[in-house]
Amino acid sequence: MRRPDESAAPMSPSEQARAAGKVVLAPLLSGCIESSVSNRAEAQRFYGIDKLAAVEAKLGANPVARALGPGFAANASRNFIMASSSFVVTPVLYQRLYPQEKKDAQSLFWFGLGVNIFAGNAIAITQQALWGRALDYAAAGGGRPISYAAVVREGLAAEGSAAFITPTKWVARVLMNAPVQGTLPWFYNEVLPLGEGRVLGAARQISAALGGGPRAV
C-alpha cells in the first residue's frame, strides 16, 4: 500500500467535502445494510420469537419497524464503527503513517488486527451493550418505545461506565469479532488478488460467449 502522491495538485474545498462525505457515507451505508439484514434475527435470538412478537404487538410496530427490528439504531451504530475500522481507519492510517520500508503482508495483517482490537472493538462494545440494554428497555411492561437517552441515563446510574464497557465485555467482543473482521484489510489486499486474474479472465470468456464482448465496428 503506497503513500499518496504528494506531488498531486491539492483538492479544492468541494472535492475535499465530497471525499469526506464518501469516507463517512460508505461505512454508514454498509452498517445500515448489514443491520437491516441481521438486526431482526439478532433480536429474535435475544428475546425468543414469541417474546419479540409480543413486544412488537404492544408497540404496534409498522411494517418497516418490524422488518428492521427493535434496537436498529444501536445495532447499525455498532456496524458503522466496525466498517469504519476495517475499511477507512485501518487503510488510511496504514497508508499514511506506517513506515513505507516496513510495509508488507505481515505488517498489514497485524496492524489491521491492532486497530480492530484496540480501537474498533473498544468503541463498538459500548454500542453492543447499548443495543442489549435498549432491548431490555423495550420489553419492560410488555413493550414500550426505546428512548436511547433514558437507556444511557439508567445504565450509567445503575452501573456507571461498566454498563457499557468492561474488560470482560471487551475481551468477549474481541474474541468473537477480531479474527475475521480485523484481518479484512489484509485479506482484500493480499488474498483476493491471488485469484483476481483468473476470475476476470473467466468473466471475459463468459461475456464473449454470451455475445457481450467487444464487437468489431
N, C-alpha and C. Protein backbone atom coordinates (compact mmCIF):
# COMPACT_ATOMS: atom_id res chain seq x y z
N MET A 1 0.85 -1.19 0.00
CA MET A 1 0.00 0.00 0.00
C MET A 1 0.89 1.24 0.00
N ARG A 2 0.90 1.96 -1.11
CA ARG A 2 1.81 3.08 -1.26
C ARG A 2 1.26 4.35 -0.63
N ARG A 3 2.20 5.27 -0.33
CA ARG A 3 1.79 6.57 0.17
C ARG A 3 1.06 7.35 -0.93
N PRO A 4 0.17 8.29 -0.55
CA PRO A 4 -0.46 9.14 -1.56
C PRO A 4 0.58 9.95 -2.30
N ASP A 5 0.28 10.28 -3.53
CA ASP A 5 1.19 11.08 -4.35
C ASP A 5 1.23 12.51 -3.83
N GLU A 6 2.37 12.86 -3.23
CA GLU A 6 2.49 14.19 -2.63
C GLU A 6 2.58 15.29 -3.69
N SER A 7 2.93 14.90 -4.93
CA SER A 7 3.08 15.90 -5.99
C SER A 7 1.76 16.26 -6.66
N ALA A 8 0.71 15.53 -6.34
CA ALA A 8 -0.59 15.80 -6.96
C ALA A 8 -1.11 17.16 -6.51
N ALA A 9 -1.87 17.78 -7.38
CA ALA A 9 -2.44 19.09 -7.07
C ALA A 9 -3.40 18.96 -5.89
N PRO A 10 -3.39 19.93 -4.98
CA PRO A 10 -4.30 19.86 -3.82
C PRO A 10 -5.76 19.90 -4.26
N MET A 11 -6.59 19.22 -3.51
CA MET A 11 -8.01 19.19 -3.84
C MET A 11 -8.68 20.51 -3.47
N SER A 12 -9.67 20.86 -4.24
CA SER A 12 -10.45 22.06 -3.94
C SER A 12 -11.34 21.78 -2.73
N PRO A 13 -11.88 22.83 -2.10
CA PRO A 13 -12.78 22.60 -0.95
C PRO A 13 -13.96 21.69 -1.28
N SER A 14 -14.52 21.84 -2.47
CA SER A 14 -15.66 20.99 -2.83
C SER A 14 -15.23 19.54 -2.98
N GLU A 15 -14.04 19.32 -3.54
CA GLU A 15 -13.53 17.95 -3.68
C GLU A 15 -13.23 17.35 -2.31
N GLN A 16 -12.70 18.16 -1.41
CA GLN A 16 -12.44 17.68 -0.05
C GLN A 16 -13.74 17.31 0.65
N ALA A 17 -14.77 18.13 0.43
CA ALA A 17 -16.07 17.84 1.05
C ALA A 17 -16.66 16.55 0.51
N ARG A 18 -16.54 16.34 -0.81
CA ARG A 18 -17.05 15.10 -1.40
C ARG A 18 -16.28 13.89 -0.87
N ALA A 19 -14.96 14.03 -0.78
CA ALA A 19 -14.14 12.93 -0.27
C ALA A 19 -14.51 12.60 1.17
N ALA A 20 -14.69 13.64 1.99
CA ALA A 20 -15.07 13.42 3.39
C ALA A 20 -16.44 12.77 3.48
N GLY A 21 -17.34 13.19 2.61
CA GLY A 21 -18.68 12.60 2.60
C GLY A 21 -18.64 11.12 2.26
N LYS A 22 -17.80 10.75 1.29
CA LYS A 22 -17.67 9.34 0.93
C LYS A 22 -17.10 8.52 2.08
N VAL A 23 -16.12 9.11 2.78
CA VAL A 23 -15.48 8.40 3.89
C VAL A 23 -16.50 8.08 4.98
N VAL A 24 -17.47 8.98 5.19
CA VAL A 24 -18.49 8.76 6.21
C VAL A 24 -19.63 7.89 5.68
N LEU A 25 -20.08 8.19 4.47
CA LEU A 25 -21.26 7.52 3.94
C LEU A 25 -21.02 6.04 3.62
N ALA A 26 -19.81 5.71 3.16
CA ALA A 26 -19.56 4.31 2.79
C ALA A 26 -19.73 3.36 3.98
N PRO A 27 -19.05 3.58 5.11
CA PRO A 27 -19.28 2.68 6.25
C PRO A 27 -20.66 2.83 6.86
N LEU A 28 -21.25 4.03 6.77
CA LEU A 28 -22.60 4.22 7.30
C LEU A 28 -23.59 3.38 6.51
N LEU A 29 -23.49 3.43 5.19
CA LEU A 29 -24.37 2.63 4.35
C LEU A 29 -24.13 1.14 4.58
N SER A 30 -22.86 0.77 4.70
CA SER A 30 -22.53 -0.63 4.96
C SER A 30 -23.14 -1.10 6.27
N GLY A 31 -23.01 -0.29 7.32
CA GLY A 31 -23.56 -0.67 8.62
C GLY A 31 -25.07 -0.78 8.60
N CYS A 32 -25.72 0.15 7.92
CA CYS A 32 -27.19 0.12 7.86
C CYS A 32 -27.69 -1.08 7.06
N ILE A 33 -27.02 -1.40 5.96
CA ILE A 33 -27.42 -2.55 5.17
C ILE A 33 -27.25 -3.84 5.98
N GLU A 34 -26.10 -3.96 6.64
CA GLU A 34 -25.87 -5.15 7.45
C GLU A 34 -26.92 -5.29 8.55
N SER A 35 -27.24 -4.19 9.22
CA SER A 35 -28.22 -4.24 10.30
C SER A 35 -29.62 -4.49 9.79
N SER A 36 -29.94 -3.98 8.60
CA SER A 36 -31.27 -4.22 8.05
C SER A 36 -31.49 -5.70 7.75
N VAL A 37 -30.39 -6.41 7.51
CA VAL A 37 -30.48 -7.85 7.26
C VAL A 37 -30.45 -8.65 8.56
N SER A 38 -29.62 -8.20 9.52
CA SER A 38 -29.32 -9.06 10.67
C SER A 38 -30.03 -8.68 11.97
N ASN A 39 -30.43 -7.41 12.12
CA ASN A 39 -30.88 -6.97 13.44
C ASN A 39 -32.12 -7.71 13.92
N ARG A 40 -33.07 -7.94 13.04
CA ARG A 40 -34.29 -8.63 13.47
C ARG A 40 -33.97 -10.04 13.95
N ALA A 41 -33.08 -10.73 13.22
CA ALA A 41 -32.69 -12.08 13.65
C ALA A 41 -31.97 -12.04 14.99
N GLU A 42 -31.13 -11.03 15.19
CA GLU A 42 -30.43 -10.90 16.47
C GLU A 42 -31.43 -10.62 17.59
N ALA A 43 -32.44 -9.81 17.31
CA ALA A 43 -33.46 -9.52 18.32
C ALA A 43 -34.27 -10.77 18.65
N GLN A 44 -34.57 -11.58 17.64
CA GLN A 44 -35.28 -12.84 17.88
C GLN A 44 -34.45 -13.76 18.77
N ARG A 45 -33.15 -13.79 18.52
CA ARG A 45 -32.28 -14.63 19.35
C ARG A 45 -32.20 -14.09 20.78
N PHE A 46 -32.24 -12.77 20.92
CA PHE A 46 -32.16 -12.14 22.23
C PHE A 46 -33.44 -12.40 23.04
N TYR A 47 -34.59 -12.17 22.41
CA TYR A 47 -35.87 -12.30 23.10
C TYR A 47 -36.44 -13.72 23.07
N GLY A 48 -36.27 -14.36 21.92
CA GLY A 48 -37.08 -15.52 21.59
C GLY A 48 -38.20 -15.05 20.66
N ILE A 49 -38.61 -15.90 19.75
CA ILE A 49 -39.58 -15.49 18.72
C ILE A 49 -40.89 -15.01 19.33
N ASP A 50 -41.40 -15.74 20.31
CA ASP A 50 -42.70 -15.38 20.88
C ASP A 50 -42.65 -14.05 21.62
N LYS A 51 -41.59 -13.83 22.38
CA LYS A 51 -41.50 -12.57 23.14
C LYS A 51 -41.32 -11.39 22.20
N LEU A 52 -40.54 -11.55 21.14
CA LEU A 52 -40.38 -10.46 20.17
C LEU A 52 -41.73 -10.12 19.55
N ALA A 53 -42.50 -11.13 19.19
CA ALA A 53 -43.82 -10.88 18.60
C ALA A 53 -44.72 -10.14 19.58
N ALA A 54 -44.64 -10.50 20.86
CA ALA A 54 -45.46 -9.83 21.86
C ALA A 54 -45.05 -8.37 22.04
N VAL A 55 -43.74 -8.11 22.05
CA VAL A 55 -43.26 -6.74 22.19
C VAL A 55 -43.69 -5.91 20.99
N GLU A 56 -43.55 -6.46 19.80
CA GLU A 56 -43.94 -5.72 18.60
C GLU A 56 -45.44 -5.47 18.57
N ALA A 57 -46.21 -6.43 19.04
CA ALA A 57 -47.67 -6.24 19.07
C ALA A 57 -48.04 -5.12 20.03
N LYS A 58 -47.36 -5.05 21.16
CA LYS A 58 -47.64 -3.99 22.14
C LYS A 58 -47.24 -2.63 21.59
N LEU A 59 -46.14 -2.60 20.83
CA LEU A 59 -45.66 -1.34 20.27
C LEU A 59 -46.47 -0.90 19.05
N GLY A 60 -47.17 -1.84 18.43
CA GLY A 60 -47.89 -1.51 17.20
C GLY A 60 -46.94 -1.12 16.09
N ALA A 61 -45.84 -1.86 15.98
CA ALA A 61 -44.79 -1.52 15.02
C ALA A 61 -45.32 -1.58 13.59
N ASN A 62 -44.91 -0.58 12.78
CA ASN A 62 -45.29 -0.58 11.37
C ASN A 62 -44.43 -1.60 10.60
N PRO A 63 -44.76 -1.88 9.34
CA PRO A 63 -44.02 -2.91 8.60
C PRO A 63 -42.52 -2.65 8.51
N VAL A 64 -42.13 -1.38 8.35
CA VAL A 64 -40.70 -1.07 8.26
C VAL A 64 -40.01 -1.36 9.59
N ALA A 65 -40.63 -0.91 10.69
CA ALA A 65 -40.05 -1.14 12.01
C ALA A 65 -39.97 -2.63 12.31
N ARG A 66 -40.98 -3.38 11.90
CA ARG A 66 -40.94 -4.83 12.11
C ARG A 66 -39.80 -5.47 11.31
N ALA A 67 -39.61 -5.01 10.09
CA ALA A 67 -38.56 -5.58 9.25
C ALA A 67 -37.17 -5.29 9.81
N LEU A 68 -36.99 -4.09 10.35
CA LEU A 68 -35.68 -3.71 10.88
C LEU A 68 -35.44 -4.29 12.27
N GLY A 69 -36.50 -4.44 13.05
CA GLY A 69 -36.36 -4.99 14.39
C GLY A 69 -36.05 -3.91 15.42
N PRO A 70 -36.34 -4.17 16.69
CA PRO A 70 -36.06 -3.18 17.74
C PRO A 70 -34.56 -3.02 17.96
N GLY A 71 -34.17 -1.83 18.37
CA GLY A 71 -32.76 -1.57 18.63
C GLY A 71 -31.93 -1.39 17.38
N PHE A 72 -32.59 -1.08 16.26
CA PHE A 72 -31.87 -0.98 14.99
C PHE A 72 -30.79 0.09 15.02
N ALA A 73 -31.07 1.24 15.63
CA ALA A 73 -30.11 2.34 15.62
C ALA A 73 -28.80 1.95 16.31
N ALA A 74 -28.90 1.30 17.47
CA ALA A 74 -27.69 0.89 18.18
C ALA A 74 -26.95 -0.20 17.41
N ASN A 75 -27.70 -1.10 16.80
CA ASN A 75 -27.08 -2.16 16.01
C ASN A 75 -26.34 -1.59 14.81
N ALA A 76 -26.99 -0.64 14.11
CA ALA A 76 -26.36 -0.02 12.96
C ALA A 76 -25.15 0.81 13.37
N SER A 77 -25.23 1.45 14.53
CA SER A 77 -24.09 2.22 15.03
C SER A 77 -22.89 1.32 15.27
N ARG A 78 -23.12 0.17 15.86
CA ARG A 78 -22.03 -0.79 16.07
C ARG A 78 -21.41 -1.22 14.75
N ASN A 79 -22.25 -1.53 13.77
CA ASN A 79 -21.74 -1.98 12.48
C ASN A 79 -21.04 -0.86 11.72
N PHE A 80 -21.52 0.37 11.89
CA PHE A 80 -20.85 1.52 11.28
C PHE A 80 -19.44 1.68 11.84
N ILE A 81 -19.30 1.52 13.14
CA ILE A 81 -17.98 1.64 13.78
C ILE A 81 -17.04 0.57 13.26
N MET A 82 -17.52 -0.66 13.15
CA MET A 82 -16.65 -1.75 12.71
C MET A 82 -16.30 -1.62 11.23
N ALA A 83 -17.26 -1.19 10.41
CA ALA A 83 -16.95 -0.97 9.00
C ALA A 83 -15.94 0.15 8.84
N SER A 84 -16.09 1.21 9.63
CA SER A 84 -15.13 2.31 9.58
C SER A 84 -13.74 1.83 9.98
N SER A 85 -13.68 0.98 11.00
CA SER A 85 -12.39 0.46 11.46
C SER A 85 -11.69 -0.33 10.37
N SER A 86 -12.44 -1.20 9.68
CA SER A 86 -11.83 -2.09 8.68
C SER A 86 -11.54 -1.41 7.35
N PHE A 87 -12.47 -0.56 6.91
CA PHE A 87 -12.40 -0.06 5.54
C PHE A 87 -11.99 1.40 5.40
N VAL A 88 -11.89 2.11 6.52
CA VAL A 88 -11.47 3.51 6.46
C VAL A 88 -10.25 3.75 7.36
N VAL A 89 -10.40 3.50 8.64
CA VAL A 89 -9.34 3.85 9.59
C VAL A 89 -8.07 3.04 9.34
N THR A 90 -8.20 1.72 9.24
CA THR A 90 -7.00 0.89 9.03
C THR A 90 -6.28 1.24 7.74
N PRO A 91 -6.96 1.28 6.57
CA PRO A 91 -6.23 1.61 5.34
C PRO A 91 -5.59 2.99 5.35
N VAL A 92 -6.31 3.99 5.88
CA VAL A 92 -5.79 5.35 5.86
C VAL A 92 -4.57 5.48 6.77
N LEU A 93 -4.68 4.96 7.98
CA LEU A 93 -3.54 5.05 8.91
C LEU A 93 -2.35 4.26 8.39
N TYR A 94 -2.61 3.08 7.86
CA TYR A 94 -1.51 2.25 7.37
C TYR A 94 -0.83 2.90 6.17
N GLN A 95 -1.63 3.46 5.28
CA GLN A 95 -1.08 4.09 4.09
C GLN A 95 -0.27 5.33 4.41
N ARG A 96 -0.78 6.14 5.33
CA ARG A 96 -0.18 7.45 5.55
C ARG A 96 0.86 7.49 6.67
N LEU A 97 0.73 6.62 7.66
CA LEU A 97 1.58 6.74 8.84
C LEU A 97 2.57 5.59 9.02
N TYR A 98 2.26 4.43 8.47
CA TYR A 98 3.16 3.29 8.68
C TYR A 98 4.41 3.46 7.82
N PRO A 99 5.60 3.21 8.37
CA PRO A 99 6.83 3.38 7.57
C PRO A 99 6.80 2.57 6.28
N GLN A 100 7.05 3.24 5.17
CA GLN A 100 6.94 2.61 3.87
C GLN A 100 7.85 1.39 3.74
N GLU A 101 9.07 1.49 4.28
CA GLU A 101 10.03 0.41 4.12
C GLU A 101 9.66 -0.83 4.94
N LYS A 102 8.72 -0.69 5.86
CA LYS A 102 8.31 -1.82 6.69
C LYS A 102 6.97 -2.42 6.27
N LYS A 103 6.39 -1.88 5.22
CA LYS A 103 5.10 -2.37 4.77
C LYS A 103 5.25 -3.71 4.05
N ASP A 104 4.49 -4.69 4.50
CA ASP A 104 4.41 -5.98 3.82
C ASP A 104 3.13 -6.66 4.29
N ALA A 105 2.90 -7.87 3.80
CA ALA A 105 1.66 -8.56 4.13
C ALA A 105 1.53 -8.81 5.63
N GLN A 106 2.64 -9.16 6.26
CA GLN A 106 2.60 -9.47 7.69
C GLN A 106 2.29 -8.22 8.52
N SER A 107 2.91 -7.11 8.17
CA SER A 107 2.67 -5.88 8.94
C SER A 107 1.23 -5.40 8.78
N LEU A 108 0.67 -5.55 7.56
CA LEU A 108 -0.73 -5.16 7.35
C LEU A 108 -1.66 -6.05 8.16
N PHE A 109 -1.35 -7.34 8.22
CA PHE A 109 -2.16 -8.28 8.99
C PHE A 109 -2.24 -7.86 10.46
N TRP A 110 -1.08 -7.60 11.06
CA TRP A 110 -1.05 -7.28 12.48
C TRP A 110 -1.53 -5.86 12.75
N PHE A 111 -1.28 -4.95 11.83
CA PHE A 111 -1.77 -3.58 12.01
C PHE A 111 -3.30 -3.56 12.00
N GLY A 112 -3.89 -4.29 11.05
CA GLY A 112 -5.35 -4.36 10.99
C GLY A 112 -5.95 -4.97 12.24
N LEU A 113 -5.33 -6.03 12.74
CA LEU A 113 -5.81 -6.64 13.98
C LEU A 113 -5.70 -5.66 15.15
N GLY A 114 -4.58 -4.94 15.21
CA GLY A 114 -4.40 -4.00 16.32
C GLY A 114 -5.44 -2.90 16.32
N VAL A 115 -5.71 -2.32 15.15
CA VAL A 115 -6.73 -1.27 15.07
C VAL A 115 -8.10 -1.83 15.45
N ASN A 116 -8.39 -3.03 14.96
CA ASN A 116 -9.68 -3.66 15.27
C ASN A 116 -9.84 -3.91 16.77
N ILE A 117 -8.80 -4.44 17.39
CA ILE A 117 -8.89 -4.84 18.80
C ILE A 117 -8.91 -3.63 19.73
N PHE A 118 -7.98 -2.70 19.52
CA PHE A 118 -7.78 -1.63 20.49
C PHE A 118 -8.53 -0.34 20.16
N ALA A 119 -9.08 -0.25 18.97
CA ALA A 119 -9.86 0.94 18.62
C ALA A 119 -11.29 0.55 18.26
N GLY A 120 -11.45 -0.20 17.17
CA GLY A 120 -12.79 -0.53 16.69
C GLY A 120 -13.65 -1.23 17.74
N ASN A 121 -13.15 -2.33 18.28
CA ASN A 121 -13.96 -3.09 19.23
C ASN A 121 -14.07 -2.41 20.58
N ALA A 122 -13.08 -1.60 20.94
CA ALA A 122 -13.17 -0.87 22.20
C ALA A 122 -14.33 0.12 22.18
N ILE A 123 -14.63 0.65 21.00
CA ILE A 123 -15.78 1.57 20.86
C ILE A 123 -17.05 0.79 20.58
N ALA A 124 -16.96 -0.21 19.71
CA ALA A 124 -18.16 -0.95 19.30
C ALA A 124 -18.81 -1.69 20.46
N ILE A 125 -18.03 -2.11 21.45
CA ILE A 125 -18.63 -2.84 22.57
C ILE A 125 -19.60 -1.95 23.33
N THR A 126 -19.37 -0.64 23.34
CA THR A 126 -20.32 0.24 24.02
C THR A 126 -21.66 0.23 23.29
N GLN A 127 -21.63 0.14 21.96
CA GLN A 127 -22.87 0.10 21.19
C GLN A 127 -23.54 -1.27 21.28
N GLN A 128 -22.74 -2.32 21.40
CA GLN A 128 -23.30 -3.64 21.61
C GLN A 128 -24.04 -3.70 22.95
N ALA A 129 -23.42 -3.12 23.98
CA ALA A 129 -24.08 -3.08 25.29
C ALA A 129 -25.32 -2.20 25.25
N LEU A 130 -25.23 -1.08 24.52
CA LEU A 130 -26.39 -0.20 24.38
C LEU A 130 -27.54 -0.94 23.70
N TRP A 131 -27.21 -1.72 22.69
CA TRP A 131 -28.24 -2.49 21.98
C TRP A 131 -28.95 -3.45 22.93
N GLY A 132 -28.20 -4.21 23.71
CA GLY A 132 -28.81 -5.14 24.64
C GLY A 132 -29.67 -4.44 25.68
N ARG A 133 -29.17 -3.34 26.22
CA ARG A 133 -29.95 -2.60 27.21
C ARG A 133 -31.19 -1.97 26.58
N ALA A 134 -31.07 -1.56 25.32
CA ALA A 134 -32.23 -0.99 24.63
C ALA A 134 -33.33 -2.03 24.45
N LEU A 135 -32.94 -3.27 24.16
CA LEU A 135 -33.95 -4.32 24.03
C LEU A 135 -34.60 -4.63 25.37
N ASP A 136 -33.82 -4.63 26.44
CA ASP A 136 -34.41 -4.81 27.77
C ASP A 136 -35.39 -3.68 28.08
N TYR A 137 -35.00 -2.46 27.72
CA TYR A 137 -35.86 -1.30 27.94
C TYR A 137 -37.16 -1.44 27.15
N ALA A 138 -37.04 -1.88 25.89
CA ALA A 138 -38.22 -2.00 25.03
C ALA A 138 -39.20 -3.04 25.55
N ALA A 139 -38.69 -4.08 26.22
CA ALA A 139 -39.56 -5.17 26.68
C ALA A 139 -40.22 -4.87 28.02
N ALA A 140 -39.77 -3.83 28.72
CA ALA A 140 -40.32 -3.53 30.04
C ALA A 140 -41.81 -3.22 29.94
N GLY A 141 -42.58 -3.80 30.84
CA GLY A 141 -44.02 -3.54 30.84
C GLY A 141 -44.75 -4.16 29.67
N GLY A 142 -44.12 -5.11 29.02
CA GLY A 142 -44.75 -5.76 27.87
C GLY A 142 -44.40 -5.14 26.55
N GLY A 143 -43.81 -3.93 26.57
CA GLY A 143 -43.40 -3.28 25.34
C GLY A 143 -43.54 -1.77 25.42
N ARG A 144 -42.47 -1.06 25.10
CA ARG A 144 -42.51 0.40 25.07
C ARG A 144 -41.46 0.90 24.10
N PRO A 145 -41.67 2.09 23.51
CA PRO A 145 -40.69 2.63 22.56
C PRO A 145 -39.34 2.86 23.24
N ILE A 146 -38.28 2.66 22.49
CA ILE A 146 -36.94 2.83 23.04
C ILE A 146 -36.57 4.30 23.09
N SER A 147 -36.12 4.74 24.25
CA SER A 147 -35.51 6.07 24.40
C SER A 147 -34.04 5.84 24.73
N TYR A 148 -33.18 6.08 23.76
CA TYR A 148 -31.76 5.81 23.99
C TYR A 148 -31.18 6.71 25.08
N ALA A 149 -31.69 7.92 25.18
CA ALA A 149 -31.22 8.81 26.25
C ALA A 149 -31.55 8.20 27.61
N ALA A 150 -32.75 7.65 27.74
CA ALA A 150 -33.14 7.02 29.01
C ALA A 150 -32.33 5.76 29.27
N VAL A 151 -32.06 4.99 28.22
CA VAL A 151 -31.27 3.77 28.37
C VAL A 151 -29.88 4.11 28.89
N VAL A 152 -29.25 5.11 28.29
CA VAL A 152 -27.90 5.52 28.72
C VAL A 152 -27.94 6.06 30.14
N ARG A 153 -28.91 6.90 30.41
CA ARG A 153 -29.01 7.51 31.74
C ARG A 153 -29.22 6.45 32.83
N GLU A 154 -30.11 5.52 32.58
CA GLU A 154 -30.38 4.47 33.57
C GLU A 154 -29.18 3.54 33.73
N GLY A 155 -28.52 3.23 32.63
CA GLY A 155 -27.35 2.36 32.71
C GLY A 155 -26.23 2.98 33.51
N LEU A 156 -25.95 4.25 33.25
CA LEU A 156 -24.89 4.94 33.99
C LEU A 156 -25.25 5.09 35.46
N ALA A 157 -26.52 5.34 35.74
CA ALA A 157 -26.94 5.49 37.13
C ALA A 157 -26.81 4.18 37.89
N ALA A 158 -27.08 3.07 37.21
CA ALA A 158 -27.06 1.77 37.88
C ALA A 158 -25.65 1.19 38.01
N GLU A 159 -24.84 1.32 36.95
CA GLU A 159 -23.54 0.63 36.94
C GLU A 159 -22.37 1.52 36.55
N GLY A 160 -22.62 2.77 36.26
CA GLY A 160 -21.53 3.62 35.79
C GLY A 160 -21.08 3.18 34.41
N SER A 161 -19.83 3.44 34.09
CA SER A 161 -19.32 3.08 32.76
C SER A 161 -19.33 1.57 32.52
N ALA A 162 -19.36 0.78 33.60
CA ALA A 162 -19.38 -0.68 33.46
C ALA A 162 -20.66 -1.16 32.78
N ALA A 163 -21.66 -0.31 32.70
CA ALA A 163 -22.88 -0.69 31.98
C ALA A 163 -22.60 -0.87 30.50
N PHE A 164 -21.56 -0.21 30.01
CA PHE A 164 -21.31 -0.23 28.57
C PHE A 164 -19.93 -0.77 28.19
N ILE A 165 -18.98 -0.74 29.09
CA ILE A 165 -17.67 -1.31 28.74
C ILE A 165 -16.97 -1.80 30.00
N THR A 166 -16.50 -3.02 29.93
CA THR A 166 -15.67 -3.62 30.97
C THR A 166 -14.62 -4.47 30.26
N PRO A 167 -13.55 -4.83 30.93
CA PRO A 167 -12.57 -5.72 30.29
C PRO A 167 -13.20 -7.02 29.79
N THR A 168 -14.13 -7.57 30.56
CA THR A 168 -14.77 -8.83 30.15
C THR A 168 -15.58 -8.64 28.88
N LYS A 169 -16.38 -7.56 28.82
CA LYS A 169 -17.16 -7.28 27.61
C LYS A 169 -16.24 -7.10 26.41
N TRP A 170 -15.17 -6.35 26.61
CA TRP A 170 -14.24 -6.06 25.51
C TRP A 170 -13.57 -7.33 25.01
N VAL A 171 -13.08 -8.16 25.92
CA VAL A 171 -12.41 -9.40 25.51
C VAL A 171 -13.37 -10.33 24.78
N ALA A 172 -14.60 -10.44 25.27
CA ALA A 172 -15.58 -11.30 24.61
C ALA A 172 -15.86 -10.80 23.20
N ARG A 173 -15.98 -9.49 23.06
CA ARG A 173 -16.22 -8.90 21.73
C ARG A 173 -15.03 -9.15 20.80
N VAL A 174 -13.83 -8.98 21.32
CA VAL A 174 -12.62 -9.18 20.51
C VAL A 174 -12.52 -10.63 20.03
N LEU A 175 -12.76 -11.57 20.93
CA LEU A 175 -12.66 -12.98 20.56
C LEU A 175 -13.67 -13.36 19.49
N MET A 176 -14.83 -12.72 19.52
CA MET A 176 -15.88 -13.02 18.55
C MET A 176 -15.62 -12.36 17.21
N ASN A 177 -15.08 -11.13 17.23
CA ASN A 177 -15.05 -10.32 16.02
C ASN A 177 -13.68 -10.20 15.36
N ALA A 178 -12.63 -10.06 16.16
CA ALA A 178 -11.32 -9.70 15.62
C ALA A 178 -10.74 -10.70 14.63
N PRO A 179 -10.84 -12.02 14.87
CA PRO A 179 -10.18 -12.94 13.93
C PRO A 179 -10.66 -12.79 12.49
N VAL A 180 -11.91 -12.39 12.30
CA VAL A 180 -12.44 -12.24 10.94
C VAL A 180 -12.35 -10.79 10.47
N GLN A 181 -13.03 -9.90 11.19
CA GLN A 181 -13.10 -8.52 10.71
C GLN A 181 -11.77 -7.79 10.83
N GLY A 182 -10.97 -8.15 11.81
CA GLY A 182 -9.68 -7.49 11.97
C GLY A 182 -8.69 -7.80 10.87
N THR A 183 -8.91 -8.90 10.16
CA THR A 183 -7.98 -9.29 9.09
C THR A 183 -8.52 -8.95 7.70
N LEU A 184 -9.66 -8.27 7.62
CA LEU A 184 -10.23 -7.96 6.31
C LEU A 184 -9.31 -7.10 5.43
N PRO A 185 -8.68 -6.04 5.97
CA PRO A 185 -7.78 -5.26 5.10
C PRO A 185 -6.67 -6.13 4.49
N TRP A 186 -6.09 -7.00 5.30
CA TRP A 186 -5.06 -7.92 4.79
C TRP A 186 -5.66 -8.85 3.75
N PHE A 187 -6.85 -9.38 4.00
CA PHE A 187 -7.49 -10.32 3.08
C PHE A 187 -7.75 -9.67 1.72
N TYR A 188 -8.29 -8.45 1.74
CA TYR A 188 -8.61 -7.78 0.49
C TYR A 188 -7.36 -7.39 -0.30
N ASN A 189 -6.27 -7.10 0.41
CA ASN A 189 -5.05 -6.67 -0.27
C ASN A 189 -4.13 -7.82 -0.66
N GLU A 190 -4.16 -8.92 0.09
CA GLU A 190 -3.18 -9.98 -0.12
C GLU A 190 -3.76 -11.30 -0.62
N VAL A 191 -5.01 -11.59 -0.31
CA VAL A 191 -5.59 -12.89 -0.67
C VAL A 191 -6.46 -12.79 -1.91
N LEU A 192 -7.41 -11.86 -1.92
CA LEU A 192 -8.30 -11.74 -3.07
C LEU A 192 -7.56 -11.54 -4.40
N PRO A 193 -6.50 -10.72 -4.43
CA PRO A 193 -5.81 -10.53 -5.72
C PRO A 193 -5.21 -11.81 -6.29
N LEU A 194 -5.00 -12.84 -5.47
CA LEU A 194 -4.39 -14.07 -5.97
C LEU A 194 -5.24 -14.72 -7.06
N GLY A 195 -6.54 -14.61 -6.94
CA GLY A 195 -7.41 -15.23 -7.94
C GLY A 195 -8.08 -14.23 -8.85
N GLU A 196 -7.72 -12.95 -8.71
CA GLU A 196 -8.41 -11.91 -9.47
C GLU A 196 -8.23 -12.09 -10.98
N GLY A 197 -7.02 -12.40 -11.41
CA GLY A 197 -6.78 -12.54 -12.85
C GLY A 197 -7.60 -13.66 -13.46
N ARG A 198 -7.65 -14.80 -12.76
CA ARG A 198 -8.42 -15.94 -13.28
C ARG A 198 -9.91 -15.62 -13.34
N VAL A 199 -10.41 -14.97 -12.29
CA VAL A 199 -11.84 -14.64 -12.26
C VAL A 199 -12.19 -13.66 -13.37
N LEU A 200 -11.37 -12.63 -13.54
CA LEU A 200 -11.64 -11.66 -14.60
C LEU A 200 -11.53 -12.29 -15.98
N GLY A 201 -10.54 -13.18 -16.14
CA GLY A 201 -10.40 -13.88 -17.42
C GLY A 201 -11.61 -14.74 -17.72
N ALA A 202 -12.09 -15.46 -16.70
CA ALA A 202 -13.28 -16.30 -16.89
C ALA A 202 -14.50 -15.44 -17.20
N ALA A 203 -14.60 -14.30 -16.53
CA ALA A 203 -15.74 -13.41 -16.78
C ALA A 203 -15.72 -12.88 -18.21
N ARG A 204 -14.52 -12.55 -18.70
CA ARG A 204 -14.42 -12.07 -20.09
C ARG A 204 -14.80 -13.17 -21.08
N GLN A 205 -14.38 -14.39 -20.80
CA GLN A 205 -14.72 -15.51 -21.68
C GLN A 205 -16.22 -15.76 -21.70
N ILE A 206 -16.83 -15.70 -20.52
CA ILE A 206 -18.28 -15.91 -20.44
C ILE A 206 -19.02 -14.79 -21.17
N SER A 207 -18.54 -13.56 -20.96
CA SER A 207 -19.17 -12.42 -21.63
C SER A 207 -19.07 -12.54 -23.14
N ALA A 208 -17.88 -12.96 -23.61
CA ALA A 208 -17.70 -13.12 -25.05
C ALA A 208 -18.58 -14.24 -25.59
N ALA A 209 -18.69 -15.34 -24.83
CA ALA A 209 -19.52 -16.47 -25.28
C ALA A 209 -20.99 -16.09 -25.36
N LEU A 210 -21.40 -15.17 -24.49
CA LEU A 210 -22.81 -14.74 -24.48
C LEU A 210 -23.06 -13.58 -25.44
N GLY A 211 -22.01 -13.18 -26.14
CA GLY A 211 -22.18 -12.10 -27.10
C GLY A 211 -22.04 -10.72 -26.50
N GLY A 212 -21.48 -10.65 -25.30
CA GLY A 212 -21.35 -9.35 -24.66
C GLY A 212 -19.97 -8.75 -24.77
N GLY A 213 -19.07 -9.43 -25.49
CA GLY A 213 -17.71 -8.93 -25.61
C GLY A 213 -17.61 -7.81 -26.61
N PRO A 214 -16.40 -7.26 -26.77
CA PRO A 214 -16.20 -6.17 -27.74
C PRO A 214 -16.54 -6.64 -29.15
N ARG A 215 -17.16 -5.80 -29.90
CA ARG A 215 -17.55 -6.14 -31.27
C ARG A 215 -16.79 -5.27 -32.27
N ALA A 216 -16.44 -5.88 -33.35
CA ALA A 216 -15.76 -5.12 -34.41
C ALA A 216 -16.73 -4.15 -35.04
N VAL A 217 -16.23 -2.96 -35.37
CA VAL A 217 -17.09 -1.95 -35.99
C VAL A 217 -16.95 -2.03 -37.49
